All heavy atoms as atom14 arrays in JSON, in Angstrom:
{
  "sequence": "AQANRELGTTVVIITHNAGIAAMAHRVLHFRDGQIARIEV",
  "atom14_mask": [
    [1, 1, 1, 1, 1, 0, 0, 0, 0, 0, 0, 0, 0, 0],
    [1, 1, 1, 1, 1, 1, 1, 1, 1, 0, 0, 0, 0, 0],
    [1, 1, 1, 1, 1, 0, 0, 0, 0, 0, 0, 0, 0, 0],
    [1, 1, 1, 1, 1, 1, 1, 1, 0, 0, 0, 0, 0, 0],
    [1, 1, 1, 1, 1, 1, 1, 1, 1, 1, 1, 0, 0, 0],
    [1, 1, 1, 1, 1, 1, 1, 1, 1, 0, 0, 0, 0, 0],
    [1, 1, 1, 1, 1, 1, 1, 1, 0, 0, 0, 0, 0, 0],
    [1, 1, 1, 1, 0, 0, 0, 0, 0, 0, 0, 0, 0, 0],
    [1, 1, 1, 1, 1, 1, 1, 0, 0, 0, 0, 0, 0, 0],
    [1, 1, 1, 1, 1, 1, 1, 0, 0, 0, 0, 0, 0, 0],
    [1, 1, 1, 1, 1, 1, 1, 0, 0, 0, 0, 0, 0, 0],
    [1, 1, 1, 1, 1, 1, 1, 0, 0, 0, 0, 0, 0, 0],
    [1, 1, 1, 1, 1, 1, 1, 1, 0, 0, 0, 0, 0, 0],
    [1, 1, 1, 1, 1, 1, 1, 1, 0, 0, 0, 0, 0, 0],
    [1, 1, 1, 1, 1, 1, 1, 0, 0, 0, 0, 0, 0, 0],
    [1, 1, 1, 1, 1, 1, 1, 1, 1, 1, 0, 0, 0, 0],
    [1, 1, 1, 1, 1, 1, 1, 1, 0, 0, 0, 0, 0, 0],
    [1, 1, 1, 1, 1, 0, 0, 0, 0, 0, 0, 0, 0, 0],
    [1, 1, 1, 1, 0, 0, 0, 0, 0, 0, 0, 0, 0, 0],
    [1, 1, 1, 1, 1, 1, 1, 1, 0, 0, 0, 0, 0, 0],
    [1, 1, 1, 1, 1, 0, 0, 0, 0, 0, 0, 0, 0, 0],
    [1, 1, 1, 1, 1, 0, 0, 0, 0, 0, 0, 0, 0, 0],
    [1, 1, 1, 1, 1, 1, 1, 1, 0, 0, 0, 0, 0, 0],
    [1, 1, 1, 1, 1, 0, 0, 0, 0, 0, 0, 0, 0, 0],
    [1, 1, 1, 1, 1, 1, 1, 1, 1, 1, 0, 0, 0, 0],
    [1, 1, 1, 1, 1, 1, 1, 1, 1, 1, 1, 0, 0, 0],
    [1, 1, 1, 1, 1, 1, 1, 0, 0, 0, 0, 0, 0, 0],
    [1, 1, 1, 1, 1, 1, 1, 1, 0, 0, 0, 0, 0, 0],
    [1, 1, 1, 1, 1, 1, 1, 1, 1, 1, 0, 0, 0, 0],
    [1, 1, 1, 1, 1, 1, 1, 1, 1, 1, 1, 0, 0, 0],
    [1, 1, 1, 1, 1, 1, 1, 1, 1, 1, 1, 0, 0, 0],
    [1, 1, 1, 1, 1, 1, 1, 1, 0, 0, 0, 0, 0, 0],
    [1, 1, 1, 1, 0, 0, 0, 0, 0, 0, 0, 0, 0, 0],
    [1, 1, 1, 1, 1, 1, 1, 1, 1, 0, 0, 0, 0, 0],
    [1, 1, 1, 1, 1, 1, 1, 1, 0, 0, 0, 0, 0, 0],
    [1, 1, 1, 1, 1, 0, 0, 0, 0, 0, 0, 0, 0, 0],
    [1, 1, 1, 1, 1, 1, 1, 1, 1, 1, 1, 0, 0, 0],
    [1, 1, 1, 1, 1, 1, 1, 1, 0, 0, 0, 0, 0, 0],
    [1, 1, 1, 1, 1, 1, 1, 1, 1, 0, 0, 0, 0, 0],
    [1, 1, 1, 1, 1, 1, 1, 0, 0, 0, 0, 0, 0, 0]
  ],
  "atom14_positions": [
    [[71.47, -16.57, 148.19], [72.73, -15.95, 148.61], [72.69, -14.45, 148.39], [73.23, -13.66, 149.2], [73.9, -16.58, 147.84], [0.0, 0.0, 0.0], [0.0, 0.0, 0.0], [0.0, 0.0, 0.0], [0.0, 0.0, 0.0], [0.0, 0.0, 0.0], [0.0, 0.0, 0.0], [0.0, 0.0, 0.0], [0.0, 0.0, 0.0], [0.0, 0.0, 0.0]],
    [[72.06, -14.02, 147.31], [71.92, -12.6, 147.03], [71.08, -11.9, 148.09], [71.41, -10.8, 148.55], [71.3, -12.39, 145.64], [71.12, -10.94, 145.24], [70.42, -10.8, 143.9], [69.92, -11.77, 143.33], [70.36, -9.59, 143.38], [0.0, 0.0, 0.0], [0.0, 0.0, 0.0], [0.0, 0.0, 0.0], [0.0, 0.0, 0.0], [0.0, 0.0, 0.0]],
    [[69.98, -12.54, 148.49], [69.14, -11.97, 149.55], [69.93, -11.84, 150.85], [69.81, -10.85, 151.58], [67.9, -12.83, 149.76], [0.0, 0.0, 0.0], [0.0, 0.0, 0.0], [0.0, 0.0, 0.0], [0.0, 0.0, 0.0], [0.0, 0.0, 0.0], [0.0, 0.0, 0.0], [0.0, 0.0, 0.0], [0.0, 0.0, 0.0], [0.0, 0.0, 0.0]],
    [[70.74, -12.84, 151.14], [71.58, -12.8, 152.34], [72.62, -11.69, 152.25], [72.82, -10.92, 153.2], [72.25, -14.16, 152.53], [73.27, -14.17, 153.65], [74.46, -14.2, 153.39], [72.81, -14.13, 154.89], [0.0, 0.0, 0.0], [0.0, 0.0, 0.0], [0.0, 0.0, 0.0], [0.0, 0.0, 0.0], [0.0, 0.0, 0.0], [0.0, 0.0, 0.0]],
    [[73.25, -11.59, 151.11], [74.36, -10.66, 150.93], [73.89, -9.21, 150.79], [74.44, -8.31, 151.42], [75.15, -11.1, 149.69], [76.38, -10.27, 149.38], [77.12, -10.86, 148.19], [76.31, -10.87, 146.97], [75.81, -11.98, 146.42], [76.03, -13.17, 146.97], [75.08, -11.91, 145.31], [0.0, 0.0, 0.0], [0.0, 0.0, 0.0], [0.0, 0.0, 0.0]],
    [[72.88, -8.99, 149.95], [72.5, -7.62, 149.6], [71.4, -7.05, 150.49], [71.35, -5.84, 150.72], [72.05, -7.57, 148.14], [73.17, -7.96, 147.17], [72.73, -7.9, 145.71], [71.62, -7.37, 145.46], [73.48, -8.38, 144.85], [0.0, 0.0, 0.0], [0.0, 0.0, 0.0], [0.0, 0.0, 0.0], [0.0, 0.0, 0.0], [0.0, 0.0, 0.0]],
    [[70.52, -7.91, 150.99], [69.42, -7.44, 151.84], [69.7, -7.66, 153.32], [68.94, -7.21, 154.17], [68.12, -8.13, 151.44], [67.69, -7.99, 149.98], [66.4, -8.76, 149.72], [67.51, -6.52, 149.6], [0.0, 0.0, 0.0], [0.0, 0.0, 0.0], [0.0, 0.0, 0.0], [0.0, 0.0, 0.0], [0.0, 0.0, 0.0], [0.0, 0.0, 0.0]],
    [[70.78, -8.41, 153.63], [71.1, -8.69, 155.03], [70.15, -9.68, 155.67], [70.07, -9.76, 156.91], [0.0, 0.0, 0.0], [0.0, 0.0, 0.0], [0.0, 0.0, 0.0], [0.0, 0.0, 0.0], [0.0, 0.0, 0.0], [0.0, 0.0, 0.0], [0.0, 0.0, 0.0], [0.0, 0.0, 0.0], [0.0, 0.0, 0.0], [0.0, 0.0, 0.0]],
    [[69.43, -10.47, 154.86], [68.45, -11.41, 155.37], [69.13, -12.62, 155.99], [70.07, -13.18, 155.41], [67.53, -11.89, 154.22], [67.01, -10.76, 153.52], [66.38, -12.72, 154.76], [0.0, 0.0, 0.0], [0.0, 0.0, 0.0], [0.0, 0.0, 0.0], [0.0, 0.0, 0.0], [0.0, 0.0, 0.0], [0.0, 0.0, 0.0], [0.0, 0.0, 0.0]],
    [[68.69, -13.02, 157.16], [69.14, -14.27, 157.76], [68.49, -15.42, 157.0], [67.27, -15.45, 156.84], [68.74, -14.34, 159.24], [69.26, -13.19, 159.92], [69.27, -15.6, 159.9], [0.0, 0.0, 0.0], [0.0, 0.0, 0.0], [0.0, 0.0, 0.0], [0.0, 0.0, 0.0], [0.0, 0.0, 0.0], [0.0, 0.0, 0.0], [0.0, 0.0, 0.0]],
    [[69.31, -16.35, 156.49], [68.81, -17.44, 155.65], [69.17, -18.77, 156.28], [70.33, -19.02, 156.61], [69.4, -17.36, 154.23], [68.89, -18.53, 153.37], [69.05, -16.03, 153.56], [0.0, 0.0, 0.0], [0.0, 0.0, 0.0], [0.0, 0.0, 0.0], [0.0, 0.0, 0.0], [0.0, 0.0, 0.0], [0.0, 0.0, 0.0], [0.0, 0.0, 0.0]],
    [[68.16, -19.63, 156.46], [68.36, -20.98, 156.98], [67.85, -21.96, 155.92], [66.7, -21.87, 155.51], [67.63, -21.2, 158.31], [67.92, -22.61, 158.86], [68.03, -20.14, 159.34], [0.0, 0.0, 0.0], [0.0, 0.0, 0.0], [0.0, 0.0, 0.0], [0.0, 0.0, 0.0], [0.0, 0.0, 0.0], [0.0, 0.0, 0.0], [0.0, 0.0, 0.0]],
    [[68.73, -22.87, 155.49], [68.39, -23.8, 154.41], [68.52, -25.24, 154.91], [69.59, -25.65, 155.38], [69.33, -23.62, 153.2], [69.26, -22.18, 152.66], [68.98, -24.61, 152.09], [70.29, -21.89, 151.58], [0.0, 0.0, 0.0], [0.0, 0.0, 0.0], [0.0, 0.0, 0.0], [0.0, 0.0, 0.0], [0.0, 0.0, 0.0], [0.0, 0.0, 0.0]],
    [[67.44, -25.99, 154.8], [67.49, -27.44, 155.02], [67.76, -28.11, 153.69], [67.16, -27.77, 152.66], [66.15, -27.96, 155.58], [65.97, -27.56, 157.04], [66.06, -29.48, 155.45], [64.65, -28.0, 157.62], [0.0, 0.0, 0.0], [0.0, 0.0, 0.0], [0.0, 0.0, 0.0], [0.0, 0.0, 0.0], [0.0, 0.0, 0.0], [0.0, 0.0, 0.0]],
    [[68.68, -29.07, 153.68], [68.97, -29.8, 152.46], [69.51, -31.18, 152.8], [70.09, -31.39, 153.87], [69.96, -29.03, 151.57], [70.19, -29.78, 150.37], [71.29, -28.83, 152.28], [0.0, 0.0, 0.0], [0.0, 0.0, 0.0], [0.0, 0.0, 0.0], [0.0, 0.0, 0.0], [0.0, 0.0, 0.0], [0.0, 0.0, 0.0], [0.0, 0.0, 0.0]],
    [[69.31, -32.13, 151.87], [69.98, -33.43, 151.95], [71.25, -33.43, 151.1], [72.0, -34.4, 151.12], [69.04, -34.54, 151.46], [68.0, -34.93, 152.46], [66.73, -34.39, 152.45], [68.04, -35.8, 153.49], [66.03, -34.92, 153.46], [66.8, -35.77, 154.09], [0.0, 0.0, 0.0], [0.0, 0.0, 0.0], [0.0, 0.0, 0.0], [0.0, 0.0, 0.0]],
    [[71.46, -32.34, 150.38], [72.6, -32.24, 149.48], [73.78, -31.63, 150.2], [73.86, -30.41, 150.4], [72.21, -31.4, 148.26], [73.28, -31.38, 147.18], [74.44, -31.68, 147.45], [72.88, -31.04, 145.98], [0.0, 0.0, 0.0], [0.0, 0.0, 0.0], [0.0, 0.0, 0.0], [0.0, 0.0, 0.0], [0.0, 0.0, 0.0], [0.0, 0.0, 0.0]],
    [[74.73, -32.45, 150.6], [75.87, -31.97, 151.38], [76.72, -30.97, 150.62], [77.42, -30.14, 151.22], [76.74, -33.15, 151.82], [0.0, 0.0, 0.0], [0.0, 0.0, 0.0], [0.0, 0.0, 0.0], [0.0, 0.0, 0.0], [0.0, 0.0, 0.0], [0.0, 0.0, 0.0], [0.0, 0.0, 0.0], [0.0, 0.0, 0.0], [0.0, 0.0, 0.0]],
    [[76.66, -30.99, 149.28], [77.44, -30.05, 148.5], [77.03, -28.61, 148.71], [77.83, -27.69, 148.54], [0.0, 0.0, 0.0], [0.0, 0.0, 0.0], [0.0, 0.0, 0.0], [0.0, 0.0, 0.0], [0.0, 0.0, 0.0], [0.0, 0.0, 0.0], [0.0, 0.0, 0.0], [0.0, 0.0, 0.0], [0.0, 0.0, 0.0], [0.0, 0.0, 0.0]],
    [[75.77, -28.39, 149.08], [75.26, -27.04, 149.29], [75.89, -26.4, 150.53], [75.96, -25.18, 150.65], [73.73, -27.07, 149.38], [73.13, -27.45, 148.01], [73.15, -25.74, 149.85], [71.62, -27.61, 148.01], [0.0, 0.0, 0.0], [0.0, 0.0, 0.0], [0.0, 0.0, 0.0], [0.0, 0.0, 0.0], [0.0, 0.0, 0.0], [0.0, 0.0, 0.0]],
    [[76.36, -27.22, 151.45], [76.89, -26.72, 152.72], [78.02, -25.71, 152.54], [78.22, -24.83, 153.38], [77.36, -27.88, 153.59], [0.0, 0.0, 0.0], [0.0, 0.0, 0.0], [0.0, 0.0, 0.0], [0.0, 0.0, 0.0], [0.0, 0.0, 0.0], [0.0, 0.0, 0.0], [0.0, 0.0, 0.0], [0.0, 0.0, 0.0], [0.0, 0.0, 0.0]],
    [[78.76, -25.81, 151.44], [79.92, -24.95, 151.24], [79.56, -23.48, 151.07], [80.42, -22.61, 151.22], [80.73, -25.44, 150.05], [0.0, 0.0, 0.0], [0.0, 0.0, 0.0], [0.0, 0.0, 0.0], [0.0, 0.0, 0.0], [0.0, 0.0, 0.0], [0.0, 0.0, 0.0], [0.0, 0.0, 0.0], [0.0, 0.0, 0.0], [0.0, 0.0, 0.0]],
    [[78.29, -23.18, 150.74], [77.9, -21.78, 150.56], [77.52, -21.11, 151.88], [77.29, -19.89, 151.91], [76.73, -21.69, 149.57], [75.41, -22.23, 150.09], [74.03, -22.06, 148.89], [73.65, -20.3, 149.03], [0.0, 0.0, 0.0], [0.0, 0.0, 0.0], [0.0, 0.0, 0.0], [0.0, 0.0, 0.0], [0.0, 0.0, 0.0], [0.0, 0.0, 0.0]],
    [[77.47, -21.86, 152.97], [76.99, -21.34, 154.25], [78.11, -20.74, 155.09], [79.28, -21.06, 154.91], [76.32, -22.46, 155.04], [0.0, 0.0, 0.0], [0.0, 0.0, 0.0], [0.0, 0.0, 0.0], [0.0, 0.0, 0.0], [0.0, 0.0, 0.0], [0.0, 0.0, 0.0], [0.0, 0.0, 0.0], [0.0, 0.0, 0.0], [0.0, 0.0, 0.0]],
    [[77.73, -19.87, 156.01], [78.66, -19.44, 157.05], [78.92, -20.59, 158.02], [80.06, -20.83, 158.41], [78.1, -18.23, 157.81], [77.95, -17.01, 156.98], [76.73, -16.58, 156.49], [78.87, -16.12, 156.53], [76.9, -15.47, 155.78], [78.19, -15.17, 155.79], [0.0, 0.0, 0.0], [0.0, 0.0, 0.0], [0.0, 0.0, 0.0], [0.0, 0.0, 0.0]],
    [[77.82, -21.27, 158.41], [77.95, -22.43, 159.32], [77.03, -23.53, 158.85], [76.02, -23.28, 158.19], [77.58, -22.05, 160.76], [78.58, -21.16, 161.47], [78.21, -21.01, 162.95], [76.86, -20.49, 163.1], [76.08, -20.71, 164.17], [76.51, -21.47, 165.16], [74.87, -20.18, 164.23], [0.0, 0.0, 0.0], [0.0, 0.0, 0.0], [0.0, 0.0, 0.0]],
    [[77.38, -24.76, 159.24], [76.57, -25.93, 158.91], [76.26, -26.67, 160.2], [77.18, -26.99, 160.98], [77.32, -26.87, 157.95], [76.43, -28.04, 157.55], [77.83, -26.12, 156.73], [0.0, 0.0, 0.0], [0.0, 0.0, 0.0], [0.0, 0.0, 0.0], [0.0, 0.0, 0.0], [0.0, 0.0, 0.0], [0.0, 0.0, 0.0], [0.0, 0.0, 0.0]],
    [[74.97, -26.91, 160.46], [74.54, -27.68, 161.62], [74.21, -29.1, 161.18], [73.36, -29.3, 160.31], [73.32, -27.05, 162.29], [73.56, -25.98, 163.37], [74.38, -24.84, 162.84], [72.24, -25.48, 163.94], [0.0, 0.0, 0.0], [0.0, 0.0, 0.0], [0.0, 0.0, 0.0], [0.0, 0.0, 0.0], [0.0, 0.0, 0.0], [0.0, 0.0, 0.0]],
    [[74.9, -30.08, 161.74], [74.67, -31.48, 161.41], [73.75, -32.09, 162.47], [74.08, -32.06, 163.67], [76.0, -32.24, 161.37], [76.91, -31.79, 160.27], [76.98, -32.43, 159.05], [77.79, -30.74, 160.2], [77.87, -31.81, 158.27], [78.37, -30.79, 158.94], [0.0, 0.0, 0.0], [0.0, 0.0, 0.0], [0.0, 0.0, 0.0], [0.0, 0.0, 0.0]],
    [[72.63, -32.64, 162.03], [71.63, -33.19, 162.94], [71.69, -34.71, 162.95], [71.94, -35.35, 161.93], [70.22, -32.77, 162.51], [69.84, -31.38, 162.95], [70.42, -30.28, 162.34], [68.93, -31.18, 163.96], [70.07, -28.99, 162.73], [68.57, -29.91, 164.37], [69.15, -28.81, 163.76], [0.0, 0.0, 0.0], [0.0, 0.0, 0.0], [0.0, 0.0, 0.0]],
    [[71.41, -35.29, 164.13], [71.28, -36.73, 164.28], [70.38, -37.02, 165.47], [70.6, -36.49, 166.56], [72.65, -37.39, 164.47], [72.58, -38.92, 164.5], [73.97, -39.57, 164.6], [74.64, -39.22, 165.84], [75.77, -38.52, 165.91], [76.34, -38.07, 164.81], [76.32, -38.24, 167.08], [0.0, 0.0, 0.0], [0.0, 0.0, 0.0], [0.0, 0.0, 0.0]],
    [[69.36, -37.82, 165.27], [68.47, -38.28, 166.35], [67.9, -37.13, 167.18], [67.86, -37.18, 168.4], [69.23, -39.24, 167.27], [69.7, -40.49, 166.56], [69.01, -40.92, 165.61], [70.77, -41.03, 166.92], [0.0, 0.0, 0.0], [0.0, 0.0, 0.0], [0.0, 0.0, 0.0], [0.0, 0.0, 0.0], [0.0, 0.0, 0.0], [0.0, 0.0, 0.0]],
    [[67.45, -36.08, 166.49], [66.81, -34.97, 167.18], [67.75, -34.01, 167.88], [67.29, -33.15, 168.64], [0.0, 0.0, 0.0], [0.0, 0.0, 0.0], [0.0, 0.0, 0.0], [0.0, 0.0, 0.0], [0.0, 0.0, 0.0], [0.0, 0.0, 0.0], [0.0, 0.0, 0.0], [0.0, 0.0, 0.0], [0.0, 0.0, 0.0], [0.0, 0.0, 0.0]],
    [[69.03, -34.13, 167.61], [70.01, -33.27, 168.27], [70.96, -32.66, 167.25], [71.16, -33.21, 166.16], [70.81, -34.07, 169.31], [69.97, -34.61, 170.47], [70.83, -35.39, 171.44], [71.62, -36.23, 171.04], [70.66, -35.12, 172.72], [0.0, 0.0, 0.0], [0.0, 0.0, 0.0], [0.0, 0.0, 0.0], [0.0, 0.0, 0.0], [0.0, 0.0, 0.0]],
    [[71.57, -31.54, 167.62], [72.64, -30.97, 166.82], [73.91, -31.71, 167.19], [74.46, -31.52, 168.28], [72.78, -29.45, 167.08], [71.47, -28.74, 166.72], [73.93, -28.88, 166.27], [71.42, -27.28, 167.14], [0.0, 0.0, 0.0], [0.0, 0.0, 0.0], [0.0, 0.0, 0.0], [0.0, 0.0, 0.0], [0.0, 0.0, 0.0], [0.0, 0.0, 0.0]],
    [[74.37, -32.58, 166.29], [75.51, -33.44, 166.59], [76.82, -32.68, 166.53], [77.73, -32.92, 167.33], [75.54, -34.63, 165.62], [0.0, 0.0, 0.0], [0.0, 0.0, 0.0], [0.0, 0.0, 0.0], [0.0, 0.0, 0.0], [0.0, 0.0, 0.0], [0.0, 0.0, 0.0], [0.0, 0.0, 0.0], [0.0, 0.0, 0.0], [0.0, 0.0, 0.0]],
    [[76.94, -31.78, 165.57], [78.15, -30.96, 165.48], [77.89, -29.75, 164.61], [76.92, -29.71, 163.83], [79.33, -31.75, 164.91], [79.18, -32.23, 163.5], [80.35, -33.12, 163.08], [80.19, -33.66, 161.75], [80.68, -33.09, 160.65], [81.38, -31.96, 160.75], [80.5, -33.64, 159.46], [0.0, 0.0, 0.0], [0.0, 0.0, 0.0], [0.0, 0.0, 0.0]],
    [[78.74, -28.74, 164.76], [78.64, -27.51, 163.99], [79.94, -27.3, 163.23], [81.02, -27.38, 163.8], [78.36, -26.3, 164.9], [77.01, -26.46, 165.59], [78.38, -25.0, 164.09], [76.7, -25.35, 166.58], [0.0, 0.0, 0.0], [0.0, 0.0, 0.0], [0.0, 0.0, 0.0], [0.0, 0.0, 0.0], [0.0, 0.0, 0.0], [0.0, 0.0, 0.0]],
    [[79.8, -27.05, 161.94], [80.95, -26.83, 161.07], [80.96, -25.37, 160.64], [79.94, -24.84, 160.22], [80.83, -27.76, 159.87], [81.9, -27.64, 158.82], [81.64, -28.56, 157.64], [80.67, -29.35, 157.7], [82.39, -28.47, 156.66], [0.0, 0.0, 0.0], [0.0, 0.0, 0.0], [0.0, 0.0, 0.0], [0.0, 0.0, 0.0], [0.0, 0.0, 0.0]],
    [[82.09, -24.71, 160.76], [82.23, -23.31, 160.37], [83.04, -23.23, 159.08], [84.13, -23.81, 159.0], [82.93, -22.48, 161.48], [83.1, -21.03, 161.03], [82.14, -22.55, 162.78], [0.0, 0.0, 0.0], [0.0, 0.0, 0.0], [0.0, 0.0, 0.0], [0.0, 0.0, 0.0], [0.0, 0.0, 0.0], [0.0, 0.0, 0.0], [0.0, 0.0, 0.0]]
  ]
}
């Protein structure tokens, strides 16, 4: 988050932990090889 905030780095995080999603600007939910929905 610091790298994103202070260095302006674009950060993409894969996780199985849904709790981590709250730190993101957006969350992409995947299912069967597709982006099923986007949460802002």
